[in-house]
Amino acid sequence: MNPRQRLAAIPHQDLLAFERGDRSLERRRHAQFAATRYPGTEWFRATPELLAHVDAVAAGVEDPWDLHARWTSEALALRG
């Protein structure tokens, strides 16, 4: 719901991409990349498969926060 708040709680260096989705999508991604997850963390090893996925969701987006801002704006507009 609030990526800035969540990322503030998780040590990180770079935000590579946003993927639009909900908790069920997050669970699917955790299952998809489970073999490369560092135990007890939110982090995964940078495998070719993971980097290919990041490249796919980041395609054409220079700044992930700009994309997030657009999604937020669209959601507010749809609410009326």
N, C-alpha and C. Protein backbone atom coordinates (compact mmCIF):
# COMPACT_ATOMS: atom_id res chain seq x y z
N MET A 1 0.82 -1.20 0.00
CA MET A 1 0.00 0.00 0.00
C MET A 1 0.86 1.26 0.00
N ASN A 2 1.94 1.24 0.78
CA ASN A 2 2.78 2.42 0.87
C ASN A 2 4.24 2.02 0.67
N PRO A 3 4.70 1.99 -0.57
CA PRO A 3 6.08 1.53 -0.83
C PRO A 3 7.15 2.37 -0.16
N ARG A 4 6.97 3.68 -0.10
CA ARG A 4 8.00 4.51 0.55
C ARG A 4 8.16 4.12 2.01
N GLN A 5 7.06 3.89 2.70
CA GLN A 5 7.12 3.50 4.11
C GLN A 5 7.76 2.11 4.23
N ARG A 6 7.36 1.20 3.37
CA ARG A 6 7.90 -0.15 3.44
C ARG A 6 9.40 -0.16 3.13
N LEU A 7 9.81 0.56 2.10
CA LEU A 7 11.23 0.60 1.76
C LEU A 7 12.06 1.29 2.83
N ALA A 8 11.45 2.24 3.53
CA ALA A 8 12.18 2.89 4.63
C ALA A 8 12.50 1.90 5.74
N ALA A 9 11.68 0.85 5.87
CA ALA A 9 11.88 -0.15 6.92
C ALA A 9 12.81 -1.27 6.48
N ILE A 10 13.11 -1.34 5.18
CA ILE A 10 13.96 -2.41 4.65
C ILE A 10 15.24 -1.78 4.10
N PRO A 11 16.40 -2.13 4.67
CA PRO A 11 17.65 -1.57 4.13
C PRO A 11 17.81 -1.94 2.65
N HIS A 12 18.12 -0.95 1.84
CA HIS A 12 18.31 -1.19 0.41
C HIS A 12 19.21 -0.10 -0.16
N GLN A 13 19.77 -0.37 -1.33
CA GLN A 13 20.60 0.63 -1.99
C GLN A 13 19.89 1.26 -3.16
N ASP A 14 19.23 0.44 -3.97
CA ASP A 14 18.58 0.93 -5.18
C ASP A 14 17.22 0.30 -5.34
N LEU A 15 16.29 1.07 -5.85
CA LEU A 15 15.00 0.55 -6.26
C LEU A 15 15.09 0.31 -7.75
N LEU A 16 14.95 -0.93 -8.16
CA LEU A 16 15.14 -1.28 -9.57
C LEU A 16 13.87 -1.15 -10.38
N ALA A 17 12.72 -1.46 -9.76
CA ALA A 17 11.46 -1.42 -10.51
C ALA A 17 10.30 -1.59 -9.55
N PHE A 18 9.13 -1.18 -10.03
CA PHE A 18 7.86 -1.48 -9.38
C PHE A 18 7.09 -2.41 -10.28
N GLU A 19 6.42 -3.38 -9.68
CA GLU A 19 5.52 -4.24 -10.42
C GLU A 19 4.14 -4.05 -9.81
N ARG A 20 3.20 -3.64 -10.64
CA ARG A 20 1.85 -3.39 -10.14
C ARG A 20 1.22 -4.71 -9.72
N GLY A 21 0.67 -4.73 -8.52
CA GLY A 21 0.04 -5.95 -8.02
C GLY A 21 -0.30 -5.81 -6.55
N ASP A 22 -0.80 -6.89 -6.00
CA ASP A 22 -1.20 -6.89 -4.60
C ASP A 22 -0.41 -7.96 -3.85
N ARG A 23 -0.85 -8.27 -2.65
CA ARG A 23 -0.12 -9.25 -1.84
C ARG A 23 -0.08 -10.63 -2.50
N SER A 24 -1.12 -10.97 -3.25
CA SER A 24 -1.09 -12.28 -3.90
C SER A 24 0.01 -12.33 -4.96
N LEU A 25 0.22 -11.23 -5.68
CA LEU A 25 1.33 -11.19 -6.64
C LEU A 25 2.66 -11.28 -5.91
N GLU A 26 2.77 -10.58 -4.80
CA GLU A 26 4.02 -10.64 -4.03
C GLU A 26 4.29 -12.08 -3.58
N ARG A 27 3.26 -12.77 -3.11
CA ARG A 27 3.43 -14.18 -2.71
C ARG A 27 3.87 -15.04 -3.89
N ARG A 28 3.29 -14.79 -5.06
CA ARG A 28 3.69 -15.56 -6.25
C ARG A 28 5.15 -15.29 -6.61
N ARG A 29 5.59 -14.04 -6.51
CA ARG A 29 6.99 -13.74 -6.82
C ARG A 29 7.91 -14.39 -5.80
N HIS A 30 7.52 -14.37 -4.52
CA HIS A 30 8.35 -15.04 -3.51
C HIS A 30 8.44 -16.53 -3.80
N ALA A 31 7.35 -17.14 -4.24
CA ALA A 31 7.38 -18.56 -4.60
C ALA A 31 8.22 -18.79 -5.85
N GLN A 32 8.06 -17.91 -6.82
CA GLN A 32 8.79 -18.04 -8.09
C GLN A 32 10.30 -18.01 -7.87
N PHE A 33 10.75 -17.14 -6.99
CA PHE A 33 12.19 -16.95 -6.78
C PHE A 33 12.67 -17.53 -5.44
N ALA A 34 11.87 -18.39 -4.84
CA ALA A 34 12.17 -18.93 -3.50
C ALA A 34 13.54 -19.59 -3.40
N ALA A 35 13.96 -20.25 -4.44
CA ALA A 35 15.25 -20.96 -4.39
C ALA A 35 16.43 -20.01 -4.23
N THR A 36 16.23 -18.74 -4.55
CA THR A 36 17.34 -17.79 -4.48
C THR A 36 17.17 -16.77 -3.36
N ARG A 37 16.16 -16.99 -2.52
CA ARG A 37 15.91 -16.04 -1.43
C ARG A 37 16.89 -16.25 -0.29
N TYR A 38 17.40 -15.13 0.23
CA TYR A 38 18.24 -15.21 1.43
C TYR A 38 17.30 -15.51 2.60
N PRO A 39 17.55 -16.59 3.34
CA PRO A 39 16.62 -17.00 4.41
C PRO A 39 16.34 -15.88 5.40
N GLY A 40 15.06 -15.75 5.73
CA GLY A 40 14.64 -14.79 6.73
C GLY A 40 14.68 -13.34 6.29
N THR A 41 14.81 -13.10 4.99
CA THR A 41 14.89 -11.72 4.50
C THR A 41 13.90 -11.49 3.37
N GLU A 42 13.86 -10.26 2.88
CA GLU A 42 13.07 -9.88 1.71
C GLU A 42 13.90 -9.93 0.44
N TRP A 43 15.11 -10.43 0.52
CA TRP A 43 16.07 -10.30 -0.57
C TRP A 43 16.34 -11.61 -1.28
N PHE A 44 16.68 -11.47 -2.56
CA PHE A 44 16.98 -12.61 -3.42
C PHE A 44 18.33 -12.39 -4.09
N ARG A 45 19.03 -13.48 -4.37
CA ARG A 45 20.28 -13.37 -5.12
C ARG A 45 19.97 -12.87 -6.52
N ALA A 46 20.87 -12.12 -7.08
CA ALA A 46 20.69 -11.55 -8.43
C ALA A 46 21.04 -12.60 -9.48
N THR A 47 20.09 -13.47 -9.75
CA THR A 47 20.28 -14.51 -10.76
C THR A 47 19.87 -13.96 -12.13
N PRO A 48 20.28 -14.62 -13.19
CA PRO A 48 19.84 -14.19 -14.53
C PRO A 48 18.31 -14.14 -14.66
N GLU A 49 17.62 -15.11 -14.03
CA GLU A 49 16.15 -15.14 -14.10
C GLU A 49 15.54 -13.94 -13.38
N LEU A 50 16.05 -13.62 -12.22
CA LEU A 50 15.53 -12.48 -11.47
C LEU A 50 15.82 -11.18 -12.21
N LEU A 51 17.03 -11.04 -12.71
CA LEU A 51 17.38 -9.81 -13.43
C LEU A 51 16.58 -9.66 -14.72
N ALA A 52 16.26 -10.77 -15.38
CA ALA A 52 15.42 -10.71 -16.57
C ALA A 52 14.01 -10.25 -16.21
N HIS A 53 13.51 -10.73 -15.08
CA HIS A 53 12.18 -10.29 -14.62
C HIS A 53 12.20 -8.80 -14.30
N VAL A 54 13.21 -8.35 -13.59
CA VAL A 54 13.33 -6.92 -13.26
C VAL A 54 13.41 -6.10 -14.55
N ASP A 55 14.19 -6.54 -15.50
CA ASP A 55 14.29 -5.83 -16.78
C ASP A 55 12.93 -5.74 -17.46
N ALA A 56 12.16 -6.82 -17.40
CA ALA A 56 10.84 -6.83 -18.06
C ALA A 56 9.88 -5.84 -17.40
N VAL A 57 9.83 -5.81 -16.07
CA VAL A 57 8.88 -4.90 -15.42
C VAL A 57 9.39 -3.45 -15.43
N ALA A 58 10.68 -3.26 -15.61
CA ALA A 58 11.24 -1.91 -15.63
C ALA A 58 11.37 -1.35 -17.04
N ALA A 59 11.02 -2.13 -18.03
CA ALA A 59 11.20 -1.71 -19.43
C ALA A 59 10.52 -0.38 -19.70
N GLY A 60 11.30 0.56 -20.23
CA GLY A 60 10.78 1.87 -20.60
C GLY A 60 10.55 2.83 -19.45
N VAL A 61 10.96 2.46 -18.25
CA VAL A 61 10.75 3.30 -17.07
C VAL A 61 12.10 3.75 -16.56
N GLU A 62 12.36 5.04 -16.66
CA GLU A 62 13.65 5.55 -16.20
C GLU A 62 13.71 5.65 -14.68
N ASP A 63 12.63 6.14 -14.06
CA ASP A 63 12.58 6.32 -12.61
C ASP A 63 11.35 5.59 -12.07
N PRO A 64 11.54 4.49 -11.32
CA PRO A 64 10.40 3.74 -10.81
C PRO A 64 9.42 4.59 -10.00
N TRP A 65 9.91 5.62 -9.31
CA TRP A 65 9.02 6.46 -8.51
C TRP A 65 8.08 7.27 -9.40
N ASP A 66 8.51 7.63 -10.61
CA ASP A 66 7.61 8.32 -11.54
C ASP A 66 6.45 7.42 -11.92
N LEU A 67 6.74 6.14 -12.16
CA LEU A 67 5.69 5.19 -12.49
C LEU A 67 4.73 5.03 -11.30
N HIS A 68 5.27 4.92 -10.11
CA HIS A 68 4.43 4.80 -8.91
C HIS A 68 3.53 6.03 -8.77
N ALA A 69 4.07 7.21 -9.00
CA ALA A 69 3.28 8.43 -8.91
C ALA A 69 2.13 8.42 -9.93
N ARG A 70 2.41 7.93 -11.13
CA ARG A 70 1.35 7.85 -12.14
C ARG A 70 0.26 6.89 -11.71
N TRP A 71 0.63 5.72 -11.18
CA TRP A 71 -0.36 4.76 -10.72
C TRP A 71 -1.20 5.35 -9.59
N THR A 72 -0.55 6.05 -8.67
CA THR A 72 -1.27 6.67 -7.56
C THR A 72 -2.26 7.71 -8.10
N SER A 73 -1.82 8.52 -9.03
CA SER A 73 -2.68 9.53 -9.62
C SER A 73 -3.87 8.88 -10.33
N GLU A 74 -3.62 7.82 -11.08
CA GLU A 74 -4.70 7.11 -11.78
C GLU A 74 -5.71 6.53 -10.78
N ALA A 75 -5.23 5.96 -9.69
CA ALA A 75 -6.11 5.38 -8.69
C ALA A 75 -6.98 6.46 -8.05
N LEU A 76 -6.40 7.62 -7.78
CA LEU A 76 -7.18 8.71 -7.20
C LEU A 76 -8.24 9.22 -8.19
N ALA A 77 -7.88 9.31 -9.44
CA ALA A 77 -8.82 9.76 -10.46
C ALA A 77 -10.00 8.79 -10.59
N LEU A 78 -9.73 7.52 -10.48
CA LEU A 78 -10.79 6.52 -10.60
C LEU A 78 -11.75 6.56 -9.41
N ARG A 79 -11.28 7.03 -8.28
CA ARG A 79 -12.13 7.13 -7.09
C ARG A 79 -13.12 8.28 -7.19
N GLY A 80 -12.83 9.22 -8.08
CA GLY A 80 -13.80 10.28 -8.32
C GLY A 80 -13.35 11.60 -7.92
